[in-house]
């Protein structure tokens, strides 16, 4: 493996690496002021990426991916690209848009203000990505700042604090309000901490209950996770 390009600052950098196998890739590394790694990402080298020049080319690239692909691109309610769009698939951090909608609805309704605060607590501290997980317990963060970090850097702890602030029910209402094809599939709506604890905590029985159970059974799983190590 041979570094062929480098750009960076004191705390973050991108190194392009080439080898005898495969295509070149970028190593993205971020450290904190103590020299501890807070971000590590391997991705195709930016210099090797060729932008698509048409929607047709984008569609062909999706079709060529070695994975299950589900895509829906619309403009003015007209589908421009549609591939297996009716099949449910994991959302990843796109789910944070539902949280943002719930927060915005609370602000519009007058029950919450952007200048209100959420408070970092140990039981709401989640895993990266993000920054709020590194703040001391008891730190107050304005709702606007938490929402901004949730969207800009996909801050998981900020997300969970906002869910805690508006309530799980409010986020589930946002799911229904935004015309999701299968809103039942997003109820109950877990926090990122609950998702990490369920998937990585070694709780095989709870995972099975979540996978096969109805909404009531899944809510029982979230209740059980409160007493499990994280």
Protein backbone atom coordinates (compact mmCIF):
# COMPACT_ATOMS: atom_id res chain seq x y z
CA UNK A 1 0.00 0.00 0.00
CA UNK A 2 1.47 3.34 -1.10
CA UNK A 3 0.21 6.80 -0.05
CA UNK A 4 -0.17 8.86 -3.22
CA UNK A 5 -1.79 12.05 -1.90
CA UNK A 6 -2.38 13.82 1.40
CA UNK A 7 -4.38 16.79 2.59
CA UNK A 8 -5.16 17.67 6.16
CA UNK A 9 -4.82 19.78 9.25
CA UNK A 10 -3.70 19.17 12.82
CA UNK A 11 -6.74 17.08 13.77
CA UNK A 12 -8.06 15.61 10.52
CA UNK A 13 -6.67 14.40 7.23
CA UNK A 14 -7.39 12.43 4.07
CA UNK A 15 -4.70 10.17 2.63
CA UNK A 16 -5.18 8.57 -0.79
CA UNK A 17 -3.73 5.06 -0.88
CA UNK A 18 -3.03 2.78 -3.84
CA UNK A 19 -2.10 -0.89 -3.81
CA UNK A 20 -1.53 -3.87 -6.03
CA UNK A 21 -5.13 -5.08 -5.53
CA UNK A 22 -8.30 -3.13 -6.11
CA UNK A 23 -8.84 0.56 -6.75
CA UNK A 24 -7.25 3.45 -4.83
CA UNK A 25 -9.09 4.54 -1.70
CA UNK A 26 -9.17 7.50 0.67
CA UNK A 27 -8.37 7.01 4.34
CA UNK A 28 -10.25 9.72 6.28
CA UNK A 29 -8.97 10.11 9.85
CA UNK A 30 -10.07 12.46 12.63
CA UNK A 31 -8.48 12.70 16.07
CA UNK A 32 -9.28 14.75 19.14
CA UNK A 33 -6.96 17.03 21.10
CA UNK A 34 -5.74 14.03 23.15
CA UNK A 35 -4.70 12.18 20.00
CA UNK A 36 -7.56 9.66 20.21
CA UNK A 37 -9.29 8.59 17.01
CA UNK A 38 -12.85 9.91 16.78
CA UNK A 39 -13.50 9.20 13.11
CA UNK A 40 -12.18 6.64 10.63
CA UNK A 41 -13.62 6.10 7.15
CA UNK A 42 -12.40 4.24 4.09
CA UNK A 43 -14.02 5.33 0.82
CA UNK A 44 -13.30 5.25 -2.92
CA UNK A 45 -10.66 7.79 -3.83
CA UNK A 46 -12.18 11.12 -4.80
CA UNK A 47 -9.82 11.34 -7.75
CA UNK A 48 -11.27 8.10 -9.15
CA UNK A 49 -14.92 9.16 -9.02
CA UNK A 50 -16.57 10.14 -12.28
CA UNK A 51 -19.77 12.18 -11.84
CA UNK A 52 -22.78 10.84 -13.70
CA UNK A 53 -23.98 13.06 -16.52
CA UNK A 54 -27.62 11.94 -16.67
CA UNK A 55 -30.33 10.26 -14.60
CA UNK A 56 -30.11 7.32 -16.97
CA UNK A 57 -26.47 6.84 -16.07
CA UNK A 58 -27.30 7.11 -12.37
CA UNK A 59 -29.92 4.40 -12.80
CA UNK A 60 -27.41 2.13 -14.58
CA UNK A 61 -24.89 2.62 -11.77
CA UNK A 62 -27.48 1.68 -9.18
CA UNK A 63 -28.32 -1.46 -11.17
CA UNK A 64 -24.63 -2.42 -11.35
CA UNK A 65 -24.07 -2.29 -7.60
CA UNK A 66 -23.30 -5.72 -6.06
CA UNK A 67 -26.09 -5.43 -3.49
CA UNK A 68 -29.84 -5.23 -3.08
CA UNK A 69 -30.84 -1.77 -4.32
CA UNK A 70 -34.04 0.13 -3.61
CA UNK A 71 -34.30 3.60 -5.10
CA UNK A 72 -37.03 6.17 -5.58
CA UNK A 73 -36.20 9.57 -7.09
CA UNK A 74 -39.16 11.87 -7.69
CA UNK A 75 -39.78 15.36 -9.03
CA UNK A 76 -43.21 16.98 -8.62
CA UNK A 77 -44.65 13.58 -7.64
CA UNK A 78 -43.32 12.00 -10.84
CA UNK A 79 -40.97 9.03 -10.43
CA UNK A 80 -37.71 9.61 -12.30
CA UNK A 81 -35.89 6.53 -11.01
CA UNK A 82 -37.77 3.66 -9.41
CA UNK A 83 -36.18 0.37 -8.42
CA UNK A 84 -37.96 -1.95 -5.98
CA UNK A 85 -39.25 1.19 -4.29
CA UNK A 86 -42.13 -0.52 -2.44
CA UNK A 87 -39.89 -2.88 -0.47
CA UNK A 88 -39.00 -1.74 3.04
CA UNK A 89 -35.30 -1.23 3.72
CA UNK A 90 -33.13 0.09 6.57
CA UNK A 91 -33.17 3.88 6.77
CA UNK A 92 -29.87 4.51 8.54
CA UNK A 93 -29.63 8.14 9.68
CA UNK A 94 -32.39 9.29 7.36
CA UNK A 95 -34.65 8.52 10.34
CA UNK A 96 -33.34 11.72 11.94
CA UNK A 97 -35.57 13.72 9.60
CA UNK A 98 -38.58 12.34 11.49
CA UNK A 99 -37.03 13.54 14.74
CA UNK A 100 -36.42 16.96 13.22
CA UNK A 101 -40.04 17.14 12.06
CA UNK A 102 -41.26 16.27 15.55
CA UNK A 103 -39.06 18.99 17.05
CA UNK A 104 -40.26 21.52 14.46
CA UNK A 105 -43.89 20.61 15.16
CA UNK A 106 -43.35 21.14 18.89
CA UNK A 107 -41.78 24.55 18.19
CA UNK A 108 -44.66 25.52 15.91
CA UNK A 109 -47.14 24.37 18.54
CA UNK A 110 -45.48 26.45 21.25
CA UNK A 111 -44.57 23.57 23.55
CA UNK A 112 -40.88 23.90 22.73
CA UNK A 113 -38.55 26.74 21.80
CA UNK A 114 -35.32 26.62 19.81
CA UNK A 115 -33.69 28.37 22.77
CA UNK A 116 -34.80 25.69 25.25
CA UNK A 117 -32.10 23.24 26.27
CA UNK A 118 -31.50 19.52 26.38
CA UNK A 119 -29.17 18.18 29.07
CA UNK A 120 -26.55 15.51 28.46
CA UNK A 121 -27.01 12.57 30.83
CA UNK A 122 -25.17 9.28 31.11
CA UNK A 123 -28.31 7.28 30.37
CA UNK A 124 -28.87 9.21 27.12
CA UNK A 125 -25.24 9.16 25.98
CA UNK A 126 -24.96 7.26 22.70
CA UNK A 127 -22.13 6.24 20.37
CA UNK A 128 -20.57 8.32 17.58
CA UNK A 129 -21.03 9.80 15.08
CA UNK A 130 -21.33 13.10 16.84
CA UNK A 131 -19.83 15.37 19.49
CA UNK A 132 -22.36 15.57 22.30
CA UNK A 133 -21.43 12.09 23.56
CA UNK A 134 -18.10 13.55 24.72
CA UNK A 135 -19.63 16.32 26.84
CA UNK A 136 -19.79 15.95 30.65
CA UNK A 137 -23.09 14.87 32.17
CA UNK A 138 -25.16 17.90 33.08
CA UNK A 139 -24.08 19.97 30.07
CA UNK A 140 -27.01 21.99 28.72
CA UNK A 141 -27.24 22.33 24.93
CA UNK A 142 -29.75 24.59 23.12
CA UNK A 143 -32.39 22.69 21.15
CA UNK A 144 -31.35 24.52 17.97
CA UNK A 145 -27.72 23.45 18.39
CA UNK A 146 -28.69 19.84 19.09
CA UNK A 147 -30.95 19.78 16.02
CA UNK A 148 -28.23 21.32 13.88
CA UNK A 149 -25.65 18.76 15.01
CA UNK A 150 -28.16 15.95 14.46
CA UNK A 151 -28.50 16.94 10.80
CA UNK A 152 -25.06 18.38 9.98
CA UNK A 153 -22.86 15.70 11.56
CA UNK A 154 -25.47 13.00 12.31
CA UNK A 155 -24.93 13.38 16.06
CA UNK A 156 -26.54 10.35 17.70
CA UNK A 157 -26.54 11.68 21.27
CA UNK A 158 -28.13 14.93 20.07
CA UNK A 159 -30.78 12.83 18.35
CA UNK A 160 -31.59 10.84 21.48
CA UNK A 161 -31.75 13.95 23.64
CA UNK A 162 -34.24 15.49 21.22
CA UNK A 163 -36.35 12.31 21.19
CA UNK A 164 -36.30 12.43 24.97
CA UNK A 165 -37.30 16.11 24.89
CA UNK A 166 -40.32 15.79 22.60
CA UNK A 167 -41.24 12.21 23.52
CA UNK A 168 -41.21 9.01 21.51
CA UNK A 169 -44.92 9.43 20.73
CA UNK A 170 -44.23 12.75 18.99
CA UNK A 171 -41.65 11.16 16.69
CA UNK A 172 -44.01 8.29 15.89
CA UNK A 173 -46.69 10.87 15.05
CA UNK A 174 -44.22 12.54 12.68
CA UNK A 175 -43.75 9.21 10.91
CA UNK A 176 -47.49 9.02 10.28
CA UNK A 177 -47.74 12.69 9.33
CA UNK A 178 -45.03 12.37 6.66
CA UNK A 179 -46.99 9.74 4.74
CA UNK A 180 -44.61 6.84 5.28
CA UNK A 181 -45.70 3.79 3.29
CA UNK A 182 -45.39 1.48 6.31
CA UNK A 183 -45.60 3.56 9.51
CA UNK A 184 -46.19 0.43 11.58
CA UNK A 185 -42.68 -0.65 10.66
CA UNK A 186 -41.31 2.34 12.57
CA UNK A 187 -43.26 1.74 15.77
CA UNK A 188 -41.95 1.69 18.35
CA UNK A 189 -39.32 4.24 17.33
CA UNK A 190 -36.07 3.34 19.14
CA UNK A 191 -33.36 5.79 20.10
CA UNK A 192 -29.90 5.27 18.65
CA UNK A 193 -28.69 4.10 22.06
CA UNK A 194 -31.45 1.49 22.20
CA UNK A 195 -30.60 0.32 18.69
CA UNK A 196 -26.90 -0.02 19.56
CA UNK A 197 -27.69 -1.85 22.79
CA UNK A 198 -30.04 -4.23 21.00
CA UNK A 199 -27.77 -5.01 18.07
CA UNK A 200 -24.37 -5.04 19.78
CA UNK A 201 -25.19 -5.91 23.37
CA UNK A 202 -25.27 -9.67 22.94
CA UNK A 203 -28.99 -9.83 23.77
CA UNK A 204 -29.93 -12.66 21.42
CA UNK A 205 -33.28 -13.35 23.07
CA UNK A 206 -34.30 -9.70 22.87
CA UNK A 207 -33.18 -9.51 19.25
CA UNK A 208 -35.37 -12.50 18.44
CA UNK A 209 -38.30 -10.95 20.30
CA UNK A 210 -37.84 -7.71 18.37
CA UNK A 211 -37.54 -9.50 15.01
CA UNK A 212 -40.62 -11.67 15.42
CA UNK A 213 -42.82 -9.68 17.81
CA UNK A 214 -45.60 -7.20 17.27
CA UNK A 215 -45.53 -3.59 18.45
CA UNK A 216 -46.39 -4.54 22.04
CA UNK A 217 -43.57 -7.10 22.14
CA UNK A 218 -41.11 -4.57 20.73
CA UNK A 219 -42.06 -1.99 23.34
CA UNK A 220 -41.39 -4.64 25.97
CA UNK A 221 -37.92 -5.11 24.46
CA UNK A 222 -37.16 -1.41 24.83
CA UNK A 223 -38.32 -1.54 28.43
CA UNK A 224 -36.09 -4.55 29.12
CA UNK A 225 -33.07 -2.79 27.62
CA UNK A 226 -33.23 -0.17 30.39
CA UNK A 227 -31.75 -2.68 32.84
CA UNK A 228 -29.22 -4.21 30.44
CA UNK A 229 -25.57 -3.07 30.15
CA UNK A 230 -24.65 -0.80 27.27
